[in-house]
Amino acid sequence: MKLAAVLVATFQLLCGCASAPPAAKIQGHYTVRGEGWSAYEDITLSNGNFRWLFVTGGARLPDSLTGFYSFEGNLLIFHHPLMRQPKRVLTQHNGNYVMWTPTQYKEFLKTGQTPMDVLYQTR
């Protein structure tokens, strides 16, 4: 049964044919879990717009990027020419969303292991 779910999720990811999640539910703040990170991404989604920060050693470098986002099937697309990895996958876990790069998500589907640097919705 798990193999069937993995195959369906992989197909939906690759073809972009899954539907987008409700906009109101995905809004909020996304960041890594835990303490002690020397560098991490920090993303806020609000009313079709985003703010992206890359935090390193307590400093925010570069200044935040802002822009709008849209969906292509189940892929979240950040529209800004300097956005690092502009395509993301959103999944749900315990009522909140988790933001993955497509590479992270494909690896998760293959191995079942969640990378430590996926972004979790904190609201």
PDB file of N, CA and C in Angstrom:
ATOM      1  N   MET A   1       0.827  -1.195   0.000  1.00  0.00           N
ATOM      2  CA  MET A   1       0.000   0.000   0.000  1.00  0.00           C
ATOM      3  C   MET A   1       0.872   1.259   0.000  1.00  0.00           C
ATOM      4  N   LYS A   2       1.959   1.252   0.790  1.00  0.00           N
ATOM      5  CA  LYS A   2       2.832   2.422   0.848  1.00  0.00           C
ATOM      6  C   LYS A   2       3.461   2.686  -0.515  1.00  0.00           C
ATOM      7  N   LEU A   3       3.843   1.644  -1.230  1.00  0.00           N
ATOM      8  CA  LEU A   3       4.434   1.802  -2.555  1.00  0.00           C
ATOM      9  C   LEU A   3       3.465   2.506  -3.492  1.00  0.00           C
ATOM     10  N   ALA A   4       2.194   2.164  -3.428  1.00  0.00           N
ATOM     11  CA  ALA A   4       1.192   2.810  -4.284  1.00  0.00           C
ATOM     12  C   ALA A   4       1.097   4.300  -3.970  1.00  0.00           C
ATOM     13  N   ALA A   5       1.105   4.659  -2.690  1.00  0.00           N
ATOM     14  CA  ALA A   5       1.042   6.070  -2.302  1.00  0.00           C
ATOM     15  C   ALA A   5       2.278   6.820  -2.778  1.00  0.00           C
ATOM     16  N   VAL A   6       3.439   6.197  -2.683  1.00  0.00           N
ATOM     17  CA  VAL A   6       4.682   6.820  -3.143  1.00  0.00           C
ATOM     18  C   VAL A   6       4.643   7.018  -4.650  1.00  0.00           C
ATOM     19  N   LEU A   7       4.147   6.032  -5.386  1.00  0.00           N
ATOM     20  CA  LEU A   7       4.061   6.153  -6.834  1.00  0.00           C
ATOM     21  C   LEU A   7       3.107   7.266  -7.253  1.00  0.00           C
ATOM     22  N   VAL A   8       1.963   7.368  -6.579  1.00  0.00           N
ATOM     23  CA  VAL A   8       1.005   8.438  -6.887  1.00  0.00           C
ATOM     24  C   VAL A   8       1.622   9.793  -6.582  1.00  0.00           C
ATOM     25  N   ALA A   9       2.255   9.950  -5.413  1.00  0.00           N
ATOM     26  CA  ALA A   9       2.874  11.227  -5.041  1.00  0.00           C
ATOM     27  C   ALA A   9       3.986  11.605  -6.010  1.00  0.00           C
ATOM     28  N   THR A  10       4.784  10.638  -6.411  1.00  0.00           N
ATOM     29  CA  THR A  10       5.863  10.900  -7.371  1.00  0.00           C
ATOM     30  C   THR A  10       5.284  11.342  -8.708  1.00  0.00           C
ATOM     31  N   PHE A  11       4.253  10.655  -9.180  1.00  0.00           N
ATOM     32  CA  PHE A  11       3.622  11.032 -10.442  1.00  0.00           C
ATOM     33  C   PHE A  11       3.062  12.445 -10.360  1.00  0.00           C
ATOM     34  N   GLN A  12       2.367  12.772  -9.265  1.00  0.00           N
ATOM     35  CA  GLN A  12       1.790  14.105  -9.121  1.00  0.00           C
ATOM     36  C   GLN A  12       2.871  15.169  -9.076  1.00  0.00           C
ATOM     37  N   LEU A  13       3.968  14.890  -8.406  1.00  0.00           N
ATOM     38  CA  LEU A  13       5.064  15.855  -8.325  1.00  0.00           C
ATOM     39  C   LEU A  13       5.668  16.086  -9.699  1.00  0.00           C
ATOM     40  N   LEU A  14       5.946  15.026 -10.414  1.00  0.00           N
ATOM     41  CA  LEU A  14       6.621  15.151 -11.695  1.00  0.00           C
ATOM     42  C   LEU A  14       5.735  15.753 -12.776  1.00  0.00           C
ATOM     43  N   CYS A  15       4.442  15.460 -12.744  1.00  0.00           N
ATOM     44  CA  CYS A  15       3.572  15.994 -13.792  1.00  0.00           C
ATOM     45  C   CYS A  15       2.947  17.314 -13.390  1.00  0.00           C
ATOM     46  N   GLY A  16       3.029  17.680 -12.092  1.00  0.00           N
ATOM     47  CA  GLY A  16       2.440  18.934 -11.651  1.00  0.00           C
ATOM     48  C   GLY A  16       0.928  18.916 -11.711  1.00  0.00           C
ATOM     49  N   CYS A  17       0.317  17.734 -11.556  1.00  0.00           N
ATOM     50  CA  CYS A  17      -1.121  17.641 -11.762  1.00  0.00           C
ATOM     51  C   CYS A  17      -1.924  17.601 -10.462  1.00  0.00           C
ATOM     52  N   ALA A  18      -1.291  17.612  -9.325  1.00  0.00           N
ATOM     53  CA  ALA A  18      -2.034  17.688  -8.067  1.00  0.00           C
ATOM     54  C   ALA A  18      -2.537  19.112  -7.910  1.00  0.00           C
ATOM     55  N   SER A  19      -3.631  19.267  -7.210  1.00  0.00           N
ATOM     56  CA  SER A  19      -4.181  20.612  -7.049  1.00  0.00           C
ATOM     57  C   SER A  19      -3.426  21.381  -5.962  1.00  0.00           C
ATOM     58  N   ALA A  20      -3.467  22.692  -6.078  1.00  0.00           N
ATOM     59  CA  ALA A  20      -2.798  23.559  -5.108  1.00  0.00           C
ATOM     60  C   ALA A  20      -3.567  23.540  -3.790  1.00  0.00           C
ATOM     61  N   PRO A  21      -2.864  23.660  -2.664  1.00  0.00           N
ATOM     62  CA  PRO A  21      -3.549  23.720  -1.376  1.00  0.00           C
ATOM     63  C   PRO A  21      -4.285  25.053  -1.230  1.00  0.00           C
ATOM     64  N   PRO A  22      -5.273  25.138  -0.334  1.00  0.00           N
ATOM     65  CA  PRO A  22      -6.004  26.392  -0.136  1.00  0.00           C
ATOM     66  C   PRO A  22      -5.071  27.518   0.307  1.00  0.00           C
ATOM     67  N   ALA A  23      -5.179  28.672  -0.338  1.00  0.00           N
ATOM     68  CA  ALA A  23      -4.268  29.797  -0.081  1.00  0.00           C
ATOM     69  C   ALA A  23      -4.271  30.227   1.380  1.00  0.00           C
ATOM     70  N   ALA A  24      -5.429  30.265   2.003  1.00  0.00           N
ATOM     71  CA  ALA A  24      -5.499  30.737   3.391  1.00  0.00           C
ATOM     72  C   ALA A  24      -4.737  29.814   4.341  1.00  0.00           C
ATOM     73  N   LYS A  25      -4.715  28.522   4.041  1.00  0.00           N
ATOM     74  CA  LYS A  25      -4.054  27.573   4.941  1.00  0.00           C
ATOM     75  C   LYS A  25      -2.537  27.564   4.817  1.00  0.00           C
ATOM     76  N   ILE A  26      -2.008  27.936   3.665  1.00  0.00           N
ATOM     77  CA  ILE A  26      -0.554  27.892   3.501  1.00  0.00           C
ATOM     78  C   ILE A  26       0.134  29.162   3.979  1.00  0.00           C
ATOM     79  N   GLN A  27      -0.633  30.227   4.225  1.00  0.00           N
ATOM     80  CA  GLN A  27      -0.026  31.470   4.670  1.00  0.00           C
ATOM     81  C   GLN A  27       0.663  31.272   6.011  1.00  0.00           C
ATOM     82  N   GLY A  28       1.713  32.034   6.240  1.00  0.00           N
ATOM     83  CA  GLY A  28       2.409  31.967   7.509  1.00  0.00           C
ATOM     84  C   GLY A  28       3.910  31.951   7.334  1.00  0.00           C
ATOM     85  N   HIS A  29       4.563  31.619   8.403  1.00  0.00           N
ATOM     86  CA  HIS A  29       6.017  31.641   8.493  1.00  0.00           C
ATOM     87  C   HIS A  29       6.537  30.215   8.376  1.00  0.00           C
ATOM     88  N   TYR A  30       7.612  30.020   7.591  1.00  0.00           N
ATOM     89  CA  TYR A  30       8.238  28.712   7.404  1.00  0.00           C
ATOM     90  C   TYR A  30       9.715  28.829   7.762  1.00  0.00           C
ATOM     91  N   THR A  31      10.168  27.933   8.607  1.00  0.00           N
ATOM     92  CA  THR A  31      11.578  27.932   8.991  1.00  0.00           C
ATOM     93  C   THR A  31      11.997  26.521   9.391  1.00  0.00           C
ATOM     94  N   VAL A  32      13.299  26.316   9.626  1.00  0.00           N
ATOM     95  CA  VAL A  32      13.792  25.014  10.064  1.00  0.00           C
ATOM     96  C   VAL A  32      13.405  24.779  11.517  1.00  0.00           C
ATOM     97  N   ARG A  33      13.378  23.521  11.902  1.00  0.00           N
ATOM     98  CA  ARG A  33      13.091  23.174  13.297  1.00  0.00           C
ATOM     99  C   ARG A  33      14.394  23.065  14.069  1.00  0.00           C
ATOM    100  N   GLY A  34      14.310  23.342  15.341  1.00  0.00           N
ATOM    101  CA  GLY A  34      15.461  23.138  16.202  1.00  0.00           C
ATOM    102  C   GLY A  34      16.336  24.368  16.331  1.00  0.00           C
ATOM    103  N   GLU A  35      17.320  24.252  17.168  1.00  0.00           N
ATOM    104  CA  GLU A  35      18.240  25.351  17.463  1.00  0.00           C
ATOM    105  C   GLU A  35      19.628  24.982  16.959  1.00  0.00           C
ATOM    106  N   GLY A  36      20.484  25.973  16.913  1.00  0.00           N
ATOM    107  CA  GLY A  36      21.873  25.714  16.592  1.00  0.00           C
ATOM    108  C   GLY A  36      22.224  25.726  15.119  1.00  0.00           C
ATOM    109  N   TRP A  37      21.330  26.197  14.288  1.00  0.00           N
ATOM    110  CA  TRP A  37      21.628  26.273  12.861  1.00  0.00           C
ATOM    111  C   TRP A  37      22.563  27.440  12.600  1.00  0.00           C
ATOM    112  N   SER A  38      23.604  27.222  11.819  1.00  0.00           N
ATOM    113  CA  SER A  38      24.516  28.313  11.472  1.00  0.00           C
ATOM    114  C   SER A  38      24.023  29.069  10.236  1.00  0.00           C
ATOM    115  N   ALA A  39      23.185  28.437   9.420  1.00  0.00           N
ATOM    116  CA  ALA A  39      22.614  29.084   8.238  1.00  0.00           C
ATOM    117  C   ALA A  39      21.304  28.378   7.896  1.00  0.00           C
ATOM    118  N   TYR A  40      20.304  29.154   7.548  1.00  0.00           N
ATOM    119  CA  TYR A  40      19.022  28.567   7.181  1.00  0.00           C
ATOM    120  C   TYR A  40      18.159  29.563   6.421  1.00  0.00           C
ATOM    121  N   GLU A  41      17.140  29.013   5.735  1.00  0.00           N
ATOM    122  CA  GLU A  41      16.164  29.837   5.025  1.00  0.00           C
ATOM    123  C   GLU A  41      15.006  30.161   5.947  1.00  0.00           C
ATOM    124  N   ASP A  42      14.392  31.289   5.692  1.00  0.00           N
ATOM    125  CA  ASP A  42      13.248  31.748   6.460  1.00  0.00           C
ATOM    126  C   ASP A  42      12.284  32.376   5.444  1.00  0.00           C
ATOM    127  N   ILE A  43      11.086  31.815   5.300  1.00  0.00           N
ATOM    128  CA  ILE A  43      10.135  32.274   4.281  1.00  0.00           C
ATOM    129  C   ILE A  43       8.793  32.588   4.923  1.00  0.00           C
ATOM    130  N   THR A  44       8.212  33.716   4.531  1.00  0.00           N
ATOM    131  CA  THR A  44       6.871  34.084   4.976  1.00  0.00           C
ATOM    132  C   THR A  44       5.971  34.215   3.753  1.00  0.00           C
ATOM    133  N   LEU A  45       4.801  33.577   3.800  1.00  0.00           N
ATOM    134  CA  LEU A  45       3.796  33.671   2.744  1.00  0.00           C
ATOM    135  C   LEU A  45       2.607  34.457   3.280  1.00  0.00           C
ATOM    136  N   SER A  46       2.149  35.453   2.505  1.00  0.00           N
ATOM    137  CA  SER A  46       1.016  36.265   2.942  1.00  0.00           C
ATOM    138  C   SER A  46       0.304  36.862   1.737  1.00  0.00           C
ATOM    139  N   ASN A  47      -0.955  36.523   1.566  1.00  0.00           N
ATOM    140  CA  ASN A  47      -1.805  37.112   0.525  1.00  0.00           C
ATOM    141  C   ASN A  47      -1.184  37.063  -0.868  1.00  0.00           C
ATOM    142  N   GLY A  48      -0.614  35.938  -1.237  1.00  0.00           N
ATOM    143  CA  GLY A  48      -0.038  35.771  -2.564  1.00  0.00           C
ATOM    144  C   GLY A  48       1.360  36.336  -2.733  1.00  0.00           C
ATOM    145  N   ASN A  49       1.927  36.870  -1.652  1.00  0.00           N
ATOM    146  CA  ASN A  49       3.281  37.424  -1.679  1.00  0.00           C
ATOM    147  C   ASN A  49       4.189  36.628  -0.746  1.00  0.00           C
ATOM    148  N   PHE A  50       5.500  36.750  -0.958  1.00  0.00           N
ATOM    149  CA  PHE A  50       6.448  36.075  -0.085  1.00  0.00           C
ATOM    150  C   PHE A  50       7.571  37.028   0.318  1.00  0.00           C
ATOM    151  N   ARG A  51       8.204  36.667   1.419  1.00  0.00           N
ATOM    152  CA  ARG A  51       9.438  37.322   1.876  1.00  0.00           C
ATOM    153  C   ARG A  51      10.400  36.201   2.205  1.00  0.00           C
ATOM    154  N   TRP A  52      11.601  36.254   1.640  1.00  0.00           N
ATOM    155  CA  TRP A  52      12.611  35.212   1.820  1.00  0.00           C
ATOM    156  C   TRP A  52      13.853  35.827   2.448  1.00  0.00           C
ATOM    157  N   LEU A  53      14.377  35.162   3.465  1.00  0.00           N
ATOM    158  CA  LEU A  53      15.631  35.561   4.107  1.00  0.00           C
ATOM    159  C   LEU A  53      16.550  34.353   4.156  1.00  0.00           C
ATOM    160  N   PHE A  54      17.828  34.596   3.997  1.00  0.00           N
ATOM    161  CA  PHE A  54      18.814  33.568   4.277  1.00  0.00           C
ATOM    162  C   PHE A  54      19.590  34.076   5.478  1.00  0.00           C
ATOM    163  N   VAL A  55      19.440  33.388   6.590  1.00  0.00           N
ATOM    164  CA  VAL A  55      20.053  33.810   7.842  1.00  0.00           C
ATOM    165  C   VAL A  55      21.338  33.016   8.041  1.00  0.00           C
ATOM    166  N   THR A  56      22.418  33.702   8.339  1.00  0.00           N
ATOM    167  CA  THR A  56      23.694  33.036   8.571  1.00  0.00           C
ATOM    168  C   THR A  56      24.433  33.715   9.709  1.00  0.00           C
ATOM    169  N   GLY A  57      24.833  32.940  10.690  1.00  0.00           N
ATOM    170  CA  GLY A  57      25.593  33.467  11.818  1.00  0.00           C
ATOM    171  C   GLY A  57      24.954  34.655  12.505  1.00  0.00           C
ATOM    172  N   GLY A  58      23.633  34.675  12.552  1.00  0.00           N
ATOM    173  CA  GLY A  58      22.940  35.788  13.184  1.00  0.00           C
ATOM    174  C   GLY A  58      22.718  36.965  12.247  1.00  0.00           C
ATOM    175  N   ALA A  59      23.401  36.997  11.116  1.00  0.00           N
ATOM    176  CA  ALA A  59      23.224  38.081  10.148  1.00  0.00           C
ATOM    177  C   ALA A  59      22.283  37.619   9.047  1.00  0.00           C
ATOM    178  N   ARG A  60      21.571  38.534   8.452  1.00  0.00           N
ATOM    179  CA  ARG A  60      20.677  38.204   7.349  1.00  0.00           C
ATOM    180  C   ARG A  60      21.340  38.638   6.056  1.00  0.00           C
ATOM    181  N   LEU A  61      21.755  37.664   5.266  1.00  0.00           N
ATOM    182  CA  LEU A  61      22.441  37.947   4.008  1.00  0.00           C
ATOM    183  C   LEU A  61      21.818  37.142   2.896  1.00  0.00           C
ATOM    184  N   PRO A  62      21.477  37.648   1.752  1.00  0.00           N
ATOM    185  CA  PRO A  62      21.399  39.078   1.476  1.00  0.00           C
ATOM    186  C   PRO A  62      20.179  39.669   2.140  1.00  0.00           C
ATOM    187  N   ASP A  63      19.906  40.949   1.879  1.00  0.00           N
ATOM    188  CA  ASP A  63      18.655  41.520   2.372  1.00  0.00           C
ATOM    189  C   ASP A  63      17.517  40.649   1.879  1.00  0.00           C
ATOM    190  N   SER A  64      16.399  40.743   2.535  1.00  0.00           N
ATOM    191  CA  SER A  64      15.279  39.889   2.147  1.00  0.00           C
ATOM    192  C   SER A  64      14.851  40.138   0.709  1.00  0.00           C
ATOM    193  N   LEU A  65      14.392  39.076   0.092  1.00  0.00           N
ATOM    194  CA  LEU A  65      13.805  39.158  -1.234  1.00  0.00           C
ATOM    195  C   LEU A  65      12.298  39.115  -1.064  1.00  0.00           C
ATOM    196  N   THR A  66      11.584  39.885  -1.860  1.00  0.00           N
ATOM    197  CA  THR A  66      10.128  39.846  -1.818  1.00  0.00           C
ATOM    198  C   THR A  66       9.605  39.697  -3.231  1.00  0.00           C
ATOM    199  N   GLY A  67       8.426  39.138  -3.340  1.00  0.00           N
ATOM    200  CA  GLY A  67       7.801  38.956  -4.634  1.00  0.00           C
ATOM    201  C   GLY A  67       6.458  38.275  -4.455  1.00  0.00           C
ATOM    202  N   PHE A  68       5.924  37.755  -5.534  1.00  0.00           N
ATOM    203  CA  PHE A  68       4.665  37.030  -5.438  1.00  0.00           C
ATOM    204  C   PHE A  68       4.916  35.564  -5.749  1.00  0.00           C
ATOM    205  N   TYR A  69       3.960  34.735  -5.372  1.00  0.00           N
ATOM    206  CA  TYR A  69       4.068  33.312  -5.661  1.00  0.00           C
ATOM    207  C   TYR A  69       2.813  32.845  -6.380  1.00  0.00           C
ATOM    208  N   SER A  70       2.957  31.731  -7.071  1.00  0.00           N
ATOM    209  CA  SER A  70       1.826  31.111  -7.745  1.00  0.00           C
ATOM    210  C   SER A  70       2.010  29.598  -7.652  1.00  0.00           C
ATOM    211  N   PHE A  71       1.056  28.878  -8.201  1.00  0.00           N
ATOM    212  CA  PHE A  71       1.152  27.417  -8.224  1.00  0.00           C
ATOM    213  C   PHE A  71       1.159  26.921  -9.656  1.00  0.00           C
ATOM    214  N   GLU A  72       1.944  25.887  -9.856  1.00  0.00           N
ATOM    215  CA  GLU A  72       1.981  25.139 -11.104  1.00  0.00           C
ATOM    216  C   GLU A  72       1.683  23.707 -10.697  1.00  0.00           C
ATOM    217  N   GLY A  73       0.399  23.325 -10.770  1.00  0.00           N
ATOM    218  CA  GLY A  73       0.001  22.034 -10.204  1.00  0.00           C
ATOM    219  C   GLY A  73       0.193  22.088  -8.702  1.00  0.00           C
ATOM    220  N   ASN A  74       1.013  21.182  -8.178  1.00  0.00           N
ATOM    221  CA  ASN A  74       1.265  21.169  -6.737  1.00  0.00           C
ATOM    222  C   ASN A  74       2.585  21.842  -6.364  1.00  0.00           C
ATOM    223  N   LEU A  75       3.230  22.488  -7.325  1.00  0.00           N
ATOM    224  CA  LEU A  75       4.490  23.181  -7.037  1.00  0.00           C
ATOM    225  C   LEU A  75       4.236  24.655  -6.736  1.00  0.00           C
ATOM    226  N   LEU A  76       4.785  25.118  -5.654  1.00  0.00           N
ATOM    227  CA  LEU A  76       4.753  26.534  -5.286  1.00  0.00           C
ATOM    228  C   LEU A  76       5.902  27.202  -6.036  1.00  0.00           C
ATOM    229  N   ILE A  77       5.616  28.274  -6.766  1.00  0.00           N
ATOM    230  CA  ILE A  77       6.632  28.966  -7.563  1.00  0.00           C
ATOM    231  C   ILE A  77       6.831  30.366  -7.006  1.00  0.00           C
ATOM    232  N   PHE A  78       8.056  30.686  -6.613  1.00  0.00           N
ATOM    233  CA  PHE A  78       8.397  32.034  -6.155  1.00  0.00           C
ATOM    234  C   PHE A  78       8.877  32.840  -7.360  1.00  0.00           C
ATOM    235  N   HIS A  79       8.286  33.999  -7.564  1.00  0.00           N
ATOM    236  CA  HIS A  79       8.623  34.836  -8.710  1.00  0.00           C
ATOM    237  C   HIS A  79       9.556  35.966  -8.282  1.00  0.00           C
ATOM    238  N   HIS A  80      10.840  35.705  -8.411  1.00  0.00           N
ATOM    239  CA  HIS A  80      11.890  36.697  -8.183  1.00  0.00           C
ATOM    240  C   HIS A  80      13.149  36.150  -8.846  1.00  0.00           C
ATOM    241  N   PRO A  81      13.848  36.955  -9.638  1.00  0.00           N
ATOM    242  CA  PRO A  81      14.998  36.426 -10.385  1.00  0.00           C
ATOM    243  C   PRO A  81      16.158  35.956  -9.509  1.00  0.00           C
ATOM    244  N   LEU A  82      16.244  36.431  -8.271  1.00  0.00           N
ATOM    245  CA  LEU A  82      17.345  36.022  -7.395  1.00  0.00           C
ATOM    246  C   LEU A  82      16.945  34.939  -6.396  1.00  0.00           C
ATOM    247  N   MET A  83      15.716  34.454  -6.498  1.00  0.00           N
ATOM    248  CA  MET A  83      15.244  33.460  -5.527  1.00  0.00           C
ATOM    249  C   MET A  83      15.996  32.161  -5.693  1.00  0.00           C
ATOM    250  N   ARG A  84      16.579  31.710  -4.597  1.00  0.00           N
ATOM    251  CA  ARG A  84      17.272  30.434  -4.572  1.00  0.00           C
ATOM    252  C   ARG A  84      16.224  29.319  -4.590  1.00  0.00           C
ATOM    253  N   GLN A  85      16.328  28.412  -5.508  1.00  0.00           N
ATOM    254  CA  GLN A  85      15.394  27.295  -5.647  1.00  0.00           C
ATOM    255  C   GLN A  85      13.944  27.786  -5.636  1.00  0.00           C
ATOM    256  N   PRO A  86      13.503  28.385  -6.736  1.00  0.00           N
ATOM    257  CA  PRO A  86      12.184  29.018  -6.769  1.00  0.00           C
ATOM    258  C   PRO A  86      10.990  28.062  -6.777  1.00  0.00           C
ATOM    259  N   LYS A  87      11.215  26.771  -6.982  1.00  0.00           N
ATOM    260  CA  LYS A  87      10.108  25.814  -6.951  1.00  0.00           C
ATOM    261  C   LYS A  87      10.163  25.024  -5.661  1.00  0.00           C
ATOM    262  N   ARG A  88       9.004  24.919  -5.004  1.00  0.00           N
ATOM    263  CA  ARG A  88       8.896  24.173  -3.744  1.00  0.00           C
ATOM    264  C   ARG A  88       7.654  23.298  -3.759  1.00  0.00           C
ATOM    265  N   VAL A  89       7.688  22.248  -2.977  1.00  0.00           N
ATOM    266  CA  VAL A  89       6.561  21.338  -2.800  1.00  0.00           C
ATOM    267  C   VAL A  89       6.027  21.552  -1.394  1.00  0.00           C
ATOM    268  N   LEU A  90       4.707  21.643  -1.261  1.00  0.00           N
ATOM    269  CA  LEU A  90       4.083  21.753   0.059  1.00  0.00           C
ATOM    270  C   LEU A  90       3.341  20.461   0.369  1.00  0.00           C
ATOM    271  N   THR A  91       3.582  19.925   1.556  1.00  0.00           N
ATOM    272  CA  THR A  91       2.829  18.772   2.043  1.00  0.00           C
ATOM    273  C   THR A  91       2.316  19.128   3.431  1.00  0.00           C
ATOM    274  N   GLN A  92       1.380  18.340   3.928  1.00  0.00           N
ATOM    275  CA  GLN A  92       0.853  18.592   5.267  1.00  0.00           C
ATOM    276  C   GLN A  92       1.376  17.565   6.255  1.00  0.00           C
ATOM    277  N   HIS A  93       1.627  18.041   7.481  1.00  0.00           N
ATOM    278  CA  HIS A  93       2.036  17.169   8.576  1.00  0.00           C
ATOM    279  C   HIS A  93       1.452  17.731   9.860  1.00  0.00           C
ATOM    280  N   ASN A  94       0.627  16.943  10.527  1.00  0.00           N
ATOM    281  CA  ASN A  94      -0.019  17.357  11.781  1.00  0.00           C
ATOM    282  C   ASN A  94      -0.728  18.704  11.660  1.00  0.00           C
ATOM    283  N   GLY A  95      -1.413  18.927  10.542  1.00  0.00           N
ATOM    284  CA  GLY A  95      -2.210  20.133  10.368  1.00  0.00           C
ATOM    285  C   GLY A  95      -1.453  21.346   9.858  1.00  0.00           C
ATOM    286  N   ASN A  96      -0.145  21.283   9.810  1.00  0.00           N
ATOM    287  CA  ASN A  96       0.651  22.388   9.281  1.00  0.00           C
ATOM    288  C   ASN A  96       1.350  21.936   8.005  1.00  0.00           C
ATOM    289  N   TYR A  97       1.836  22.900   7.252  1.00  0.00           N
ATOM    290  CA  TYR A  97       2.505  22.585   5.997  1.00  0.00           C
ATOM    291  C   TYR A  97       4.014  22.496   6.177  1.00  0.00           C
ATOM    292  N   VAL A  98       4.615  21.666   5.322  1.00  0.00           N
ATOM    293  CA  VAL A  98       6.061  21.502   5.253  1.00  0.00           C
ATOM    294  C   VAL A  98       6.473  21.893   3.839  1.00  0.00           C
ATOM    295  N   MET A  99       7.535  22.705   3.721  1.00  0.00           N
ATOM    296  CA  MET A  99       8.000  23.185   2.429  1.00  0.00           C
ATOM    297  C   MET A  99       9.304  22.479   2.078  1.00  0.00           C
ATOM    298  N   TRP A 100       9.312  21.801   0.933  1.00  0.00           N
ATOM    299  CA  TRP A 100      10.450  21.015   0.457  1.00  0.00           C
ATOM    300  C   TRP A 100      10.933  21.578  -0.880  1.00  0.00           C
ATOM    301  N   THR A 101      12.213  21.436  -1.167  1.00  0.00           N
ATOM    302  CA  THR A 101      12.662  21.626  -2.537  1.00  0.00           C
ATOM    303  C   THR A 101      12.248  20.352  -3.276  1.00  0.00           C
ATOM    304  N   PRO A 102      12.079  20.408  -4.589  1.00  0.00           N
ATOM    305  CA  PRO A 102      11.739  19.175  -5.314  1.00  0.00           C
ATOM    306  C   PRO A 102      12.758  18.052  -5.091  1.00  0.00           C
ATOM    307  N   THR A 103      14.031  18.395  -4.997  1.00  0.00           N
ATOM    308  CA  THR A 103      15.068  17.384  -4.753  1.00  0.00           C
ATOM    309  C   THR A 103      14.881  16.732  -3.388  1.00  0.00           C
ATOM    310  N   GLN A 104      14.611  17.540  -2.364  1.00  0.00           N
ATOM    311  CA  GLN A 104      14.379  16.992  -1.018  1.00  0.00           C
ATOM    312  C   GLN A 104      13.182  16.044  -1.030  1.00  0.00           C
ATOM    313  N   TYR A 105      12.106  16.456  -1.708  1.00  0.00           N
ATOM    314  CA  TYR A 105      10.894  15.656  -1.700  1.00  0.00           C
ATOM    315  C   TYR A 105      11.073  14.340  -2.458  1.00  0.00           C
ATOM    316  N   LYS A 106      11.745  14.394  -3.592  1.00  0.00           N
ATOM    317  CA  LYS A 106      12.016  13.158  -4.338  1.00  0.00           C
ATOM    318  C   LYS A 106      12.857  12.204  -3.504  1.00  0.00           C
ATOM    319  N   GLU A 107      13.850  12.729  -2.799  1.00  0.00           N
ATOM    320  CA  GLU A 107      14.694  11.895  -1.941  1.00  0.00           C
ATOM    321  C   GLU A 107      13.879  11.302  -0.795  1.00  0.00           C
ATOM    322  N   PHE A 108      12.980  12.101  -0.223  1.00  0.00           N
ATOM    323  CA  PHE A 108      12.102  11.604   0.840  1.00  0.00           C
ATOM    324  C   PHE A 108      11.234  10.454   0.321  1.00  0.00           C
ATOM    325  N   LEU A 109      10.664  10.624  -0.864  1.00  0.00           N
ATOM    326  CA  LEU A 109       9.827   9.561  -1.422  1.00  0.00           C
ATOM    327  C   LEU A 109      10.631   8.295  -1.678  1.00  0.00           C
ATOM    328  N   LYS A 110      11.884   8.459  -2.015  1.00  0.00           N
ATOM    329  CA  LYS A 110      12.759   7.318  -2.306  1.00  0.00           C
ATOM    330  C   LYS A 110      13.220   6.610  -1.029  1.00  0.00           C
ATOM    331  N   THR A 111      13.583   7.395   0.009  1.00  0.00           N
ATOM    332  CA  THR A 111      14.202   6.819   1.204  1.00  0.00           C
ATOM    333  C   THR A 111      13.319   6.813   2.447  1.00  0.00           C
ATOM    334  N   GLY A 112      12.305   7.693   2.490  1.00  0.00           N
ATOM    335  CA  GLY A 112      11.493   7.823   3.694  1.00  0.00           C
ATOM    336  C   GLY A 112      12.139   8.687   4.760  1.00  0.00           C
ATOM    337  N   GLN A 113      13.307   9.234   4.479  1.00  0.00           N
ATOM    338  CA  GLN A 113      14.036  10.072   5.438  1.00  0.00           C
ATOM    339  C   GLN A 113      13.742  11.551   5.168  1.00  0.00           C
ATOM    340  N   THR A 114      13.354  12.295   6.204  1.00  0.00           N
ATOM    341  CA  THR A 114      13.099  13.726   6.080  1.00  0.00           C
ATOM    342  C   THR A 114      14.392  14.487   6.329  1.00  0.00           C
ATOM    343  N   PRO A 115      14.816  15.326   5.375  1.00  0.00           N
ATOM    344  CA  PRO A 115      16.029  16.107   5.601  1.00  0.00           C
ATOM    345  C   PRO A 115      15.818  17.089   6.757  1.00  0.00           C
ATOM    346  N   MET A 116      16.883  17.398   7.449  1.00  0.00           N
ATOM    347  CA  MET A 116      16.776  18.292   8.608  1.00  0.00           C
ATOM    348  C   MET A 116      16.462  19.728   8.205  1.00  0.00           C
ATOM    349  N   ASP A 117      16.766  20.111   6.963  1.00  0.00           N
ATOM    350  CA  ASP A 117      16.598  21.515   6.581  1.00  0.00           C
ATOM    351  C   ASP A 117      15.328  21.810   5.794  1.00  0.00           C
ATOM    352  N   VAL A 118      14.313  20.912   5.853  1.00  0.00           N
ATOM    353  CA  VAL A 118      13.031  21.291   5.270  1.00  0.00           C
ATOM    354  C   VAL A 118      12.433  22.392   6.137  1.00  0.00           C
ATOM    355  N   LEU A 119      11.538  23.160   5.561  1.00  0.00           N
ATOM    356  CA  LEU A 119      10.945  24.294   6.272  1.00  0.00           C
ATOM    357  C   LEU A 119       9.565  23.937   6.778  1.00  0.00           C
ATOM    358  N   TYR A 120       9.319  24.197   8.059  1.00  0.00           N
ATOM    359  CA  TYR A 120       8.038  23.876   8.693  1.00  0.00           C
ATOM    360  C   TYR A 120       7.254  25.149   8.938  1.00  0.00           C
ATOM    361  N   GLN A 121       5.943  25.069   8.702  1.00  0.00           N
ATOM    362  CA  GLN A 121       5.070  26.199   8.951  1.00  0.00           C
ATOM    363  C   GLN A 121       4.916  26.388  10.459  1.00  0.00           C
ATOM    364  N   THR A 122       5.179  27.612  10.908  1.00  0.00           N
ATOM    365  CA  THR A 122       5.026  27.909  12.331  1.00  0.00           C
ATOM    366  C   THR A 122       3.864  28.850  12.582  1.00  0.00           C
ATOM    367  N   ARG A 123       3.259  29.352  11.507  1.00  0.00           N
ATOM    368  CA  ARG A 123       2.102  30.261  11.508  1.00  0.00           C
ATOM    369  C   ARG A 123       2.546  31.593  11.909  1.00  0.00           C
TER     370      ARG A 123
END
